[in-house]
Structure formats: C-alpha cells, structure tokens
C-alpha atoms as a PDB file:
ATOM      1  CA  MET A   1      -9.016   9.932 -11.941  1.00  0.00           C
ATOM      2  CA  GLU A   2      -8.831  12.005  -8.816  1.00  0.00           C
ATOM      3  CA  ILE A   3      -6.218  11.727  -6.108  1.00  0.00           C
ATOM      4  CA  ASP A   4      -6.490  13.319  -2.690  1.00  0.00           C
ATOM      5  CA  ILE A   5      -3.516  13.314  -0.356  1.00  0.00           C
ATOM      6  CA  SER A   6      -3.796  14.043   3.344  1.00  0.00           C
ATOM      7  CA  GLN A   7      -2.047  13.134   6.554  1.00  0.00           C
ATOM      8  CA  ARG A   8      -3.355  11.808   9.818  1.00  0.00           C
ATOM      9  CA  GLN A   9      -1.522  11.331  13.074  1.00  0.00           C
ATOM     10  CA  GLY A  10      -1.940   8.010  14.827  1.00  0.00           C
ATOM     11  CA  ASN A  11       0.807   5.911  16.357  1.00  0.00           C
ATOM     12  CA  VAL A  12       2.840   7.394  13.484  1.00  0.00           C
ATOM     13  CA  LEU A  13       2.165  10.112  10.917  1.00  0.00           C
ATOM     14  CA  VAL A  14       0.360   8.397   8.021  1.00  0.00           C
ATOM     15  CA  THR A  15      -0.014   9.816   4.529  1.00  0.00           C
ATOM     16  CA  ILE A  16      -3.380   8.828   3.072  1.00  0.00           C
ATOM     17  CA  ILE A  17      -3.622   8.585  -0.704  1.00  0.00           C
ATOM     18  CA  ARG A  18      -7.272   8.459  -1.771  1.00  0.00           C
ATOM     19  CA  VAL A  19      -7.775   7.306  -5.338  1.00  0.00           C
ATOM     20  CA  GLU A  20     -11.073   7.737  -7.200  1.00  0.00           C
ATOM     21  CA  GLY A  21     -11.741   6.402 -10.654  1.00  0.00           C
ATOM     22  CA  GLU A  22     -10.496   3.529 -12.747  1.00  0.00           C
ATOM     23  CA  PHE A  23      -6.957   2.554 -11.781  1.00  0.00           C
ATOM     24  CA  ASP A  24      -5.685   1.521 -15.195  1.00  0.00           C
ATOM     25  CA  ALA A  25      -3.010   2.298 -17.784  1.00  0.00           C
ATOM     26  CA  ALA A  26      -4.464   5.745 -18.405  1.00  0.00           C
ATOM     27  CA  SER A  27      -4.286   6.769 -14.740  1.00  0.00           C
ATOM     28  CA  SER A  28      -1.538   4.667 -13.203  1.00  0.00           C
ATOM     29  CA  ASP A  29       1.273   7.150 -13.926  1.00  0.00           C
ATOM     30  CA  LEU A  30      -0.650   9.866 -12.091  1.00  0.00           C
ATOM     31  CA  VAL A  31      -1.002   7.678  -9.003  1.00  0.00           C
ATOM     32  CA  LYS A  32       2.609   6.471  -9.241  1.00  0.00           C
ATOM     33  CA  ASP A  33       3.943  10.023  -9.560  1.00  0.00           C
ATOM     34  CA  SER A  34       1.804  11.264  -6.662  1.00  0.00           C
ATOM     35  CA  ALA A  35       2.939   8.402  -4.435  1.00  0.00           C
ATOM     36  CA  HIS A  36       6.577   8.863  -5.414  1.00  0.00           C
ATOM     37  CA  GLU A  37       6.339  12.575  -4.628  1.00  0.00           C
ATOM     38  CA  VAL A  38       4.934  12.048  -1.115  1.00  0.00           C
ATOM     39  CA  ILE A  39       7.659   9.495  -0.373  1.00  0.00           C
ATOM     40  CA  GLN A  40      10.325  11.869  -1.695  1.00  0.00           C
ATOM     41  CA  ASP A  41       8.828  14.508   0.607  1.00  0.00           C
ATOM     42  CA  GLY A  42       9.394  12.213   3.588  1.00  0.00           C
ATOM     43  CA  ALA A  43       6.287  10.046   3.951  1.00  0.00           C
ATOM     44  CA  GLU A  44       7.248   6.778   5.650  1.00  0.00           C
ATOM     45  CA  TYR A  45       3.785   5.265   6.239  1.00  0.00           C
ATOM     46  CA  VAL A  46       1.113   5.216   3.533  1.00  0.00           C
ATOM     47  CA  LEU A  47      -2.531   4.209   3.585  1.00  0.00           C
ATOM     48  CA  LEU A  48      -3.829   3.643   0.058  1.00  0.00           C
ATOM     49  CA  ASP A  49      -7.583   4.250   0.006  1.00  0.00           C
ATOM     50  CA  LEU A  50      -9.149   2.345  -2.895  1.00  0.00           C
ATOM     51  CA  SER A  51     -12.781   2.797  -1.859  1.00  0.00           C
ATOM     52  CA  GLY A  52     -13.445   4.947  -4.925  1.00  0.00           C
ATOM     53  CA  VAL A  53     -11.816   2.558  -7.415  1.00  0.00           C
ATOM     54  CA  PRO A  54     -14.332   0.429  -9.342  1.00  0.00           C
ATOM     55  CA  PHE A  55     -11.662  -1.260 -11.492  1.00  0.00           C
ATOM     56  CA  ILE A  56      -7.929  -1.988 -11.251  1.00  0.00           C
ATOM     57  CA  SER A  57      -5.789  -3.244 -14.118  1.00  0.00           C
ATOM     58  CA  SER A  58      -2.323  -4.751 -14.132  1.00  0.00           C
ATOM     59  CA  SER A  59      -0.967  -1.198 -14.423  1.00  0.00           C
ATOM     60  CA  GLY A  60      -2.600  -0.312 -11.119  1.00  0.00           C
ATOM     61  CA  ILE A  61      -1.207  -3.467  -9.523  1.00  0.00           C
ATOM     62  CA  ARG A  62       2.280  -2.498 -10.712  1.00  0.00           C
ATOM     63  CA  VAL A  63       1.857   0.871  -8.987  1.00  0.00           C
ATOM     64  CA  ILE A  64       0.964  -0.868  -5.704  1.00  0.00           C
ATOM     65  CA  TYR A  65       4.073  -3.083  -6.048  1.00  0.00           C
ATOM     66  CA  SER A  66       6.178  -0.003  -6.795  1.00  0.00           C
ATOM     67  CA  LEU A  67       4.776   1.787  -3.749  1.00  0.00           C
ATOM     68  CA  TYR A  68       5.495  -1.260  -1.599  1.00  0.00           C
ATOM     69  CA  ASN A  69       9.083  -1.441  -2.899  1.00  0.00           C
ATOM     70  CA  GLN A  70       9.702   2.251  -2.271  1.00  0.00           C
ATOM     71  CA  LEU A  71       8.492   1.985   1.316  1.00  0.00           C
ATOM     72  CA  HIS A  72      10.134  -1.415   1.994  1.00  0.00           C
ATOM     73  CA  PRO A  73      13.542  -1.481   0.306  1.00  0.00           C
ATOM     74  CA  LYS A  74      15.102  -4.900  -0.200  1.00  0.00           C
ATOM     75  CA  LYS A  75      17.130  -6.091   2.726  1.00  0.00           C
ATOM     76  CA  SER A  76      20.346  -8.045   2.481  1.00  0.00           C
ATOM     77  CA  GLY A  77      21.969 -10.607   4.709  1.00  0.00           C
ATOM     78  CA  GLU A  78      20.058 -12.131   7.606  1.00  0.00           C
ATOM     79  CA  ALA A  79      17.338  -9.464   7.538  1.00  0.00           C
ATOM     80  CA  GLY A  80      16.624 -10.217   3.881  1.00  0.00           C
ATOM     81  CA  LYS A  81      16.527 -13.948   4.550  1.00  0.00           C
ATOM     82  CA  ALA A  82      14.101 -13.423   7.437  1.00  0.00           C
ATOM     83  CA  VAL A  83      11.741 -11.368   5.266  1.00  0.00           C
ATOM     84  CA  ALA A  84      11.884 -13.990   2.474  1.00  0.00           C
ATOM     85  CA  ARG A  85      11.201 -16.794   4.976  1.00  0.00           C
ATOM     86  CA  ASP A  86       8.294 -14.915   6.560  1.00  0.00           C
ATOM     87  CA  MET A  87       6.795 -14.200   3.123  1.00  0.00           C
ATOM     88  CA  ARG A  88       6.998 -17.890   2.182  1.00  0.00           C
ATOM     89  CA  GLU A  89       5.392 -18.869   5.478  1.00  0.00           C
ATOM     90  CA  GLY A  90       2.676 -16.226   5.156  1.00  0.00           C
ATOM     91  CA  THR A  91       3.643 -14.456   8.367  1.00  0.00           C
ATOM     92  CA  TYR A  92       5.134 -11.294   6.836  1.00  0.00           C
ATOM     93  CA  THR A  93       3.077  -8.119   6.676  1.00  0.00           C
ATOM     94  CA  ALA A  94       4.184  -4.782   5.306  1.00  0.00           C
ATOM     95  CA  SER A  95       4.684  -2.338   8.140  1.00  0.00           C
ATOM     96  CA  ARG A  96       4.645   0.868   6.094  1.00  0.00           C
ATOM     97  CA  LEU A  97       1.832   0.293   3.579  1.00  0.00           C
ATOM     98  CA  LYS A  98      -1.808  -0.637   4.164  1.00  0.00           C
ATOM     99  CA  ILE A  99      -4.792  -0.666   1.816  1.00  0.00           C
ATOM    100  CA  LEU A 100      -8.167   0.768   2.801  1.00  0.00           C
ATOM    101  CA  ASN A 101     -11.598  -0.428   1.771  1.00  0.00           C
ATOM    102  CA  PRO A 102     -11.189  -1.675  -1.798  1.00  0.00           C
ATOM    103  CA  THR A 103     -14.379  -2.285  -3.741  1.00  0.00           C
ATOM    104  CA  ASN A 104     -15.442  -5.921  -4.135  1.00  0.00           C
ATOM    105  CA  GLN A 105     -14.068  -6.176  -7.666  1.00  0.00           C
ATOM    106  CA  VAL A 106     -10.719  -4.663  -6.657  1.00  0.00           C
ATOM    107  CA  MET A 107     -10.546  -6.882  -3.561  1.00  0.00           C
ATOM    108  CA  ASN A 108     -11.076  -9.948  -5.730  1.00  0.00           C
ATOM    109  CA  VAL A 109      -8.110  -8.940  -7.892  1.00  0.00           C
ATOM    110  CA  LEU A 110      -5.900  -8.225  -4.850  1.00  0.00           C
ATOM    111  CA  ARG A 111      -6.740 -11.653  -3.431  1.00  0.00           C
ATOM    112  CA  MET A 112      -6.248 -13.413  -6.751  1.00  0.00           C
ATOM    113  CA  ILE A 113      -2.707 -12.090  -7.142  1.00  0.00           C
ATOM    114  CA  GLY A 114      -1.845 -12.509  -3.455  1.00  0.00           C
ATOM    115  CA  ILE A 115      -1.248  -8.910  -2.393  1.00  0.00           C
ATOM    116  CA  ASP A 116      -3.512  -9.493   0.600  1.00  0.00           C
ATOM    117  CA  SER A 117      -1.021 -12.069   1.899  1.00  0.00           C
ATOM    118  CA  TYR A 118       1.526  -9.385   2.803  1.00  0.00           C
ATOM    119  CA  ILE A 119      -0.199  -6.007   2.576  1.00  0.00           C
ATOM    120  CA  GLU A 120      -2.931  -5.689   5.175  1.00  0.00           C
ATOM    121  CA  ILE A 121      -6.328  -4.570   3.906  1.00  0.00           C
ATOM    122  CA  TYR A 122      -8.791  -2.782   6.183  1.00  0.00           C
ATOM    123  CA  GLU A 123     -12.438  -1.749   5.912  1.00  0.00           C
ATOM    124  CA  SER A 124     -12.103   0.942   8.578  1.00  0.00           C
ATOM    125  CA  GLU A 125      -9.714   3.884   8.459  1.00  0.00           C
ATOM    126  CA  ASP A 126      -9.464   3.858  12.249  1.00  0.00           C
ATOM    127  CA  ASP A 127      -8.477   0.167  12.256  1.00  0.00           C
ATOM    128  CA  ALA A 128      -5.908   0.782   9.524  1.00  0.00           C
ATOM    129  CA  MET A 129      -4.462   3.748  11.424  1.00  0.00           C
ATOM    130  CA  ALA A 130      -4.135   1.659  14.583  1.00  0.00           C
ATOM    131  CA  ALA A 131      -2.229  -1.013  12.633  1.00  0.00           C
ATOM    132  CA  PHE A 132       0.627   1.342  11.798  1.00  0.00           C
ATOM    133  CA  ILE A 133       3.344   1.170  14.409  1.00  0.00           C
ATOM    134  CA  VAL A 134       6.880   2.494  14.502  1.00  0.00           C
ATOM    135  CA  SER A 135       8.997  -0.070  12.730  1.00  0.00           C
ATOM    136  CA  GLY A 136      12.541  -0.183  11.523  1.00  0.00           C
ATOM    137  CA  SER A 137      12.634  -3.796  10.430  1.00  0.00           C
ATOM    138  CA  ASN A 138      10.208  -4.269   7.555  1.00  0.00           C
END
C-alpha cells in the first residue's frame, strides 16, 4: 500500500489522497491515519484517488465512511433534518469529499453499497476539482 498526499488549488484548496494497492484490513489503518492527519492539519476538502486500488474490502469502505464523517459532521436541528431529507430523496451530495477514478471492481462495490448516491465520483481530476466549491452547509 502506498499513499501519496498532495494539494491542488481550484475553487478551494483540495487535498488529494492517492491510494495504491489493495484497500483492505491490512492497509485500511494506514489510509485512515493518513486521512485523519491531513484533516487535523486543516484540510477541509479531500479528493480520494482510487485509480490505483484493484480491490476494496469492508475495511476500506469503513475508512471512506470515516473520512466522510470527519469532513461532514452531523448537523442538528433544521440543518440536520434537511440533510436527512435530501439523502432520502437522493439529492444530497457531499461538498467536501469526492472520489476520483475508481477501478471497475471498486466502482461496482461503491455502487452496490450506495456511496455513489451521496459522494460524487469523477473520472477526471479536473472535473473533480471544478466540483469543489466553498460550502458551509454540508
């Protein structure tokens, strides 16, 4: 497992986490710790590049959920209700996390568990970068 972390300025400063290798129980802590560290260091927008990941297990999926939760803390009151409603209706998309170019096998898993319904997935880094906009709501 190799992880490369870089930043790229677009509409906002985006931290790109490039993962290479099998994203499974043996490697998930490394990815989780790396992601947690960049968020602790102030990263607000993350692009998770899975183009070098031939396989993802449930441990890897849990890391993606953890990353989502760190970047999108639960909201209470009306804001929380709006997010829950939008998720049910399929109109919610994560503003601070995007996924880049997963392999076919990984994409099939992401679709099967429904991550693609609220975390946008892009084939092009430029398209993913353009999708990040300054957001305070979700």
